[in-house]
Protein backbone atom coordinates (compact mmCIF):
# COMPACT_ATOMS: atom_id res chain seq x y z
CA MET A 1 0.00 0.00 0.00
CA ARG A 2 3.00 2.27 0.16
CA ARG A 3 3.34 5.29 -2.06
CA ILE A 4 1.12 4.52 -5.02
CA ALA A 5 1.06 8.31 -5.45
CA LEU A 6 4.74 8.24 -6.31
CA LEU A 7 3.31 7.65 -9.76
CA VAL A 8 2.08 11.25 -9.77
CA LEU A 9 5.43 12.62 -8.64
CA SER A 10 7.54 10.45 -10.90
CA LEU A 11 5.41 10.94 -14.01
CA SER A 12 6.10 14.66 -13.83
CA PHE A 13 9.35 14.07 -15.70
CA ILE A 14 7.30 13.14 -18.77
CA CYS A 15 5.65 16.55 -18.64
CA SER A 16 8.85 18.55 -18.61
CA PHE A 17 9.58 18.74 -22.33
CA SER A 18 9.73 22.30 -23.52
CA ILE A 19 10.95 23.52 -26.87
CA ALA A 20 12.01 26.70 -25.07
CA LEU A 21 14.79 24.69 -23.47
CA GLU A 22 18.06 24.10 -25.28
CA VAL A 23 17.61 20.76 -27.05
CA LYS A 24 20.58 18.67 -28.20
CA LEU A 25 19.77 16.16 -30.95
CA ILE A 26 22.00 13.34 -32.17
CA ALA A 27 21.01 10.84 -34.88
CA ASP A 28 22.36 8.92 -37.87
CA LYS A 29 20.47 11.28 -40.17
CA VAL A 30 18.93 14.68 -39.43
CA LEU A 31 16.72 16.58 -41.88
CA TYR A 32 15.45 20.13 -41.44
CA TYR A 33 12.46 21.57 -43.36
CA PRO A 34 12.69 25.38 -42.99
CA GLU A 35 9.31 26.11 -44.61
CA LYS A 36 7.60 24.07 -41.87
CA ASP A 37 10.24 24.65 -39.17
CA ILE A 38 10.37 20.89 -38.56
CA MET A 39 13.39 18.77 -37.76
CA GLU A 40 13.32 15.05 -38.50
CA ALA A 41 15.77 12.54 -37.04
CA LEU A 42 16.32 8.98 -38.27
CA GLY A 43 18.35 6.15 -36.72
CA ASN A 44 19.78 5.98 -33.19
CA VAL A 45 17.99 9.17 -32.17
CA ARG A 46 19.07 10.76 -28.90
CA LEU A 47 17.56 13.89 -27.37
CA PHE A 48 18.94 15.88 -24.43
CA TRP A 49 17.14 18.77 -22.71
CA GLY A 50 17.70 20.06 -19.20
CA ASP A 51 18.60 17.09 -17.01
CA ARG A 52 16.57 14.70 -19.16
CA LYS A 53 17.37 12.48 -22.08
CA ALA A 54 15.46 10.34 -24.56
CA SER A 55 16.30 7.80 -27.22
CA ALA A 56 14.32 6.26 -30.09
CA ASP A 57 14.62 4.82 -33.60
CA LYS A 58 13.19 7.99 -35.16
CA GLY A 59 11.45 11.23 -34.29
CA TRP A 60 10.70 14.81 -35.17
CA VAL A 61 10.38 18.21 -33.52
CA ASN A 62 7.99 20.90 -34.76
CA PHE A 63 9.40 24.21 -33.52
CA LYS A 64 6.40 26.17 -34.81
CA THR A 65 3.72 24.18 -32.94
CA GLN A 66 6.10 23.21 -30.12
CA ASP A 67 5.38 19.50 -30.22
CA ALA A 68 7.55 16.45 -30.72
CA PHE A 69 7.19 12.76 -31.49
CA LEU A 70 9.44 9.77 -30.86
CA GLU A 71 8.83 6.29 -32.25
CA GLY A 72 10.45 2.87 -31.94
CA ASN A 73 12.08 1.60 -28.73
CA VAL A 74 11.49 4.93 -26.99
CA THR A 75 13.15 5.58 -23.62
CA VAL A 76 12.77 8.80 -21.60
CA GLU A 77 14.89 9.22 -18.46
CA ASP A 78 15.65 11.67 -15.69
CA GLU A 79 16.72 11.44 -12.05
CA LYS A 80 13.23 10.27 -10.99
CA GLY A 81 12.87 7.29 -13.28
CA ARG A 82 12.64 5.77 -16.72
CA LEU A 83 9.76 5.50 -19.21
CA VAL A 84 9.80 2.90 -21.99
CA ALA A 85 7.25 2.76 -24.84
CA GLN A 86 6.91 2.26 -28.58
CA LYS A 87 5.67 5.81 -29.18
CA VAL A 88 5.81 9.03 -27.15
CA SER A 89 4.36 12.39 -28.23
CA PHE A 90 4.80 15.76 -26.52
CA ASP A 91 2.54 18.78 -27.01
CA SER A 92 4.03 21.67 -25.05
CA LYS A 93 1.22 24.15 -25.74
CA SER A 94 -1.57 21.95 -24.38
CA GLU A 95 0.77 20.21 -21.91
CA LYS A 96 -0.56 16.86 -23.08
CA TYR A 97 1.73 13.91 -23.43
CA LEU A 98 0.99 10.41 -24.66
CA ALA A 99 3.02 7.22 -24.35
CA GLN A 100 1.68 4.12 -26.07
CA GLY A 101 2.67 0.57 -26.91
CA LYS A 102 3.90 -1.69 -24.09
CA VAL A 103 4.36 1.25 -21.74
CA LEU A 104 6.65 0.62 -18.76
CA LEU A 105 7.44 3.19 -16.08
CA LEU A 106 10.11 2.42 -13.49
CA THR A 107 10.91 4.92 -10.73
CA LYS A 108 13.88 5.20 -8.43
CA ASP A 109 11.45 4.76 -5.53
CA GLY A 110 10.57 1.23 -6.62
CA LEU A 111 7.26 1.82 -8.40
CA LYS A 112 6.46 -0.02 -11.63
CA LEU A 113 3.60 0.89 -13.97
CA GLU A 114 2.69 -1.24 -16.98
CA CYS A 115 -0.08 -0.34 -19.44
CA GLY A 116 -0.99 0.01 -23.10
CA LYS A 117 -1.37 3.81 -23.05
CA LEU A 118 -0.44 6.57 -20.62
CA GLU A 119 -1.60 10.18 -20.92
CA ALA A 120 -0.37 13.13 -18.90
CA TYR A 121 -2.14 16.50 -18.63
CA GLY A 122 -0.05 19.21 -17.03
CA LYS A 123 1.92 18.05 -14.00
CA ASP A 124 -0.68 16.45 -11.74
CA LYS A 125 -3.24 14.65 -13.90
CA PHE A 126 -2.56 11.28 -15.48
CA ARG A 127 -4.61 8.57 -17.16
CA ALA A 128 -3.36 5.01 -17.56
CA TYR A 129 -5.50 2.64 -19.60
CA GLU A 130 -5.41 -0.60 -21.58
CA SER A 131 -4.92 -2.96 -18.62
CA PRO A 132 -2.77 -0.83 -16.30
CA ILE A 133 -0.90 -2.56 -13.48
CA ILE A 134 0.85 -0.66 -10.67
CA THR A 135 3.30 -2.56 -8.47
CA VAL A 136 4.92 -1.10 -5.34
CA LYS A 137 6.81 -3.60 -3.21
CA GLU A 138 4.14 -6.11 -2.11
CA SER A 139 1.16 -4.07 -3.33
CA VAL A 140 -0.38 -4.66 -6.77
CA LEU A 141 -3.21 -2.65 -8.32
CA LYS A 142 -4.80 -3.95 -11.53
CA ALA A 143 -7.57 -2.11 -13.39
CA SER A 144 -9.06 -1.32 -16.78
CA GLU A 145 -8.32 2.39 -16.29
CA ILE A 146 -6.69 4.58 -13.64
CA LEU A 147 -7.15 8.36 -13.48
CA LEU A 148 -4.84 10.20 -11.07
CA GLU A 149 -5.38 13.86 -10.25
CA GLY A 150 -3.48 15.33 -7.35
CA SER A 151 -4.09 13.17 -4.28
CA GLU A 152 -7.19 11.44 -5.65
CA ALA A 153 -7.50 8.44 -7.95
CA GLU A 154 -10.50 7.06 -9.81
CA ILE A 155 -10.17 3.40 -10.76
CA GLU A 156 -12.26 1.27 -13.11
CA SER A 157 -12.57 -2.49 -12.43
CA PRO A 158 -9.99 -2.43 -9.62
CA SER A 159 -8.28 -5.47 -8.13
CA TYR A 160 -6.07 -4.41 -5.25
CA GLU A 161 -3.85 -6.81 -3.33
CA ASP A 162 -1.47 -6.01 -0.48
CA LYS A 163 0.48 -9.18 0.21
CA SER A 164 2.11 -7.68 3.32
CA LYS A 165 -1.34 -7.47 4.96
CA SER A 166 -2.87 -10.43 3.09
CA ILE A 167 -5.85 -8.38 1.89
CA LEU A 168 -7.58 -8.39 -1.51
CA ILE A 169 -10.24 -5.91 -2.70
CA THR A 170 -12.13 -6.09 -6.00
CA ALA A 171 -15.07 -4.01 -7.29
CA LEU A 172 -16.58 -2.37 -10.35
CA LYS A 173 -15.15 1.02 -9.38
CA ALA A 174 -13.05 2.55 -6.62
CA ASN A 175 -11.85 5.92 -5.35
CA MET A 176 -8.47 6.15 -3.65
CA SER A 177 -7.24 9.00 -1.44
CA LEU A 178 -3.58 9.65 -0.65
CA ASP A 179 -1.83 11.70 2.03
CA ASN A 180 0.88 14.34 1.56
CA GLU A 181 3.59 11.65 1.66
CA GLY A 182 1.97 9.68 -1.14
CA LYS A 183 0.69 6.85 1.05
CA ILE A 184 -2.82 5.48 0.62
CA LYS A 185 -5.25 6.83 3.23
CA ASN A 186 -8.33 4.94 2.18
CA ILE A 187 -10.06 3.04 -0.60
CA ARG A 188 -13.79 3.34 -1.33
CA ALA A 189 -15.03 0.47 -3.49
CA LEU A 190 -18.37 0.57 -5.33
CA GLY A 191 -20.40 -2.19 -7.00
CA ASN A 192 -19.97 -5.96 -6.56
CA VAL A 193 -17.45 -5.40 -3.79
CA PHE A 194 -15.48 -8.42 -2.65
CA ILE A 195 -12.94 -8.33 0.19
CA LYS A 196 -10.75 -11.17 1.40
CA HIS A 197 -8.35 -11.08 4.33
CA VAL A 198 -6.22 -13.87 5.76
CA ARG A 199 -5.04 -13.55 9.36
CA ASP A 200 -3.08 -16.47 10.73
CA LYS A 201 -5.34 -19.44 9.85
CA SER A 202 -8.53 -17.36 9.86
CA ILE A 203 -10.12 -16.23 6.59
CA PHE A 204 -12.49 -13.25 6.33
CA GLN A 205 -14.52 -12.89 3.13
CA ALA A 206 -17.16 -10.25 2.47
CA LYS A 207 -19.52 -9.14 -0.30
CA ALA A 208 -21.50 -5.90 -0.52
CA ASP A 209 -22.63 -3.04 -2.73
CA GLU A 210 -20.11 -0.68 -1.10
CA GLY A 211 -16.90 -1.06 0.84
CA PHE A 212 -14.54 1.30 2.63
CA TYR A 213 -11.04 0.44 3.81
CA ASP A 214 -9.20 2.85 6.12
CA VAL A 215 -5.58 1.87 5.73
CA THR A 216 -4.29 3.70 8.81
CA SER A 217 -6.76 2.17 11.27
CA GLY A 218 -7.09 -1.16 9.47
CA ILE A 219 -10.90 -0.88 9.57
CA VAL A 220 -13.05 -2.34 6.78
CA LYS A 221 -16.70 -1.26 6.47
CA ILE A 222 -19.15 -2.80 4.02
CA SER A 223 -22.80 -1.88 3.42
CA GLY A 224 -25.63 -2.57 1.01
CA LYS A 225 -26.62 -6.25 0.98
CA ALA A 226 -23.60 -6.84 3.18
CA SER A 227 -22.60 -10.38 4.04
CA ALA A 228 -19.42 -11.66 5.62
CA PHE A 229 -17.96 -15.07 6.37
CA LYS A 230 -15.30 -15.70 8.98
CA ASP A 231 -14.36 -19.19 10.07
CA LYS A 232 -17.76 -20.90 10.53
CA THR A 233 -19.75 -17.69 11.14
CA GLU A 234 -21.84 -15.90 8.51
CA LEU A 235 -23.15 -12.39 9.15
CA ARG A 236 -25.75 -10.48 7.14
CA ALA A 237 -26.47 -6.91 8.16
CA ASN A 238 -27.02 -3.32 7.05
CA GLU A 239 -23.36 -2.69 7.79
CA ILE A 240 -20.49 -4.95 8.79
CA ILE A 241 -17.27 -3.65 10.36
CA TYR A 242 -14.07 -5.70 10.39
CA ASN A 243 -10.69 -4.93 11.96
CA VAL A 244 -7.82 -6.23 9.84
CA ASP A 245 -5.34 -6.04 12.73
CA THR A 246 -7.42 -7.80 15.39
CA GLY A 247 -9.72 -9.96 13.26
CA VAL A 248 -12.82 -8.76 15.15
CA MET A 249 -16.04 -8.63 13.10
CA ARG A 250 -19.27 -6.91 14.18
CA ALA A 251 -22.61 -5.99 12.62
CA VAL A 252 -24.62 -2.76 12.69
CA GLY A 253 -28.40 -2.54 12.21
CA GLU A 254 -30.69 -5.44 11.40
CA THR A 255 -28.55 -8.56 11.65
CA ARG A 256 -28.76 -12.21 10.81
CA MET A 257 -26.14 -14.67 12.05
CA VAL A 258 -25.70 -18.22 10.83
CA ILE A 259 -23.26 -20.74 12.34
CA HIS A 260 -22.17 -23.36 9.79
């Protein structure tokens, strides 16, 4: 669960391309079209600007529109991490950047993002789609789409697993909040929520319309057709509260208990 938001901080290096900076270009062949103010590079392309560098098989820079495009074995690096993709485009005016084709982001802080496409808008809004997977140490988040904006994340079809705490959460949608240090504060899951937690030899499994997991306190709350199974006990209630650290389960409101 640690520092999923490092994605936001580390992705900022993608958004730092500016034609206003001094750009050094090296390639096997460089062509310049003065009527369009476009420079095209072919073969072993290497770009250097500020403290960043990029490499690709080919690319071009449009100085008039202030955008650029790299294609073929693209790598973009700075002190925060490394981005690998088949294609990367930069649009400095709109501050929109797109990486596509087997996208892989590796940060110095240990975060790994894999997806088909990754978009960046400005410096604090990112969209990863086409089966994105985020891995941080023992935490893995899989989804169909992840939208990060500041300290909030919206996730489609999430499957979140923290192996260090032996907890799994799946749902149709989820909202994730992060603190100032980039750690997850809580996860709110919506639609077909399923939660599984293993503590020693005890297994807690729950289903509901909604679920809320407070990471700091270790409290799980489920509501809306809530049902939970722990050992040989089944609970059905308006709301069920479970403590991940202690393994204590309790019901709120109208309750039905079945001992199997």
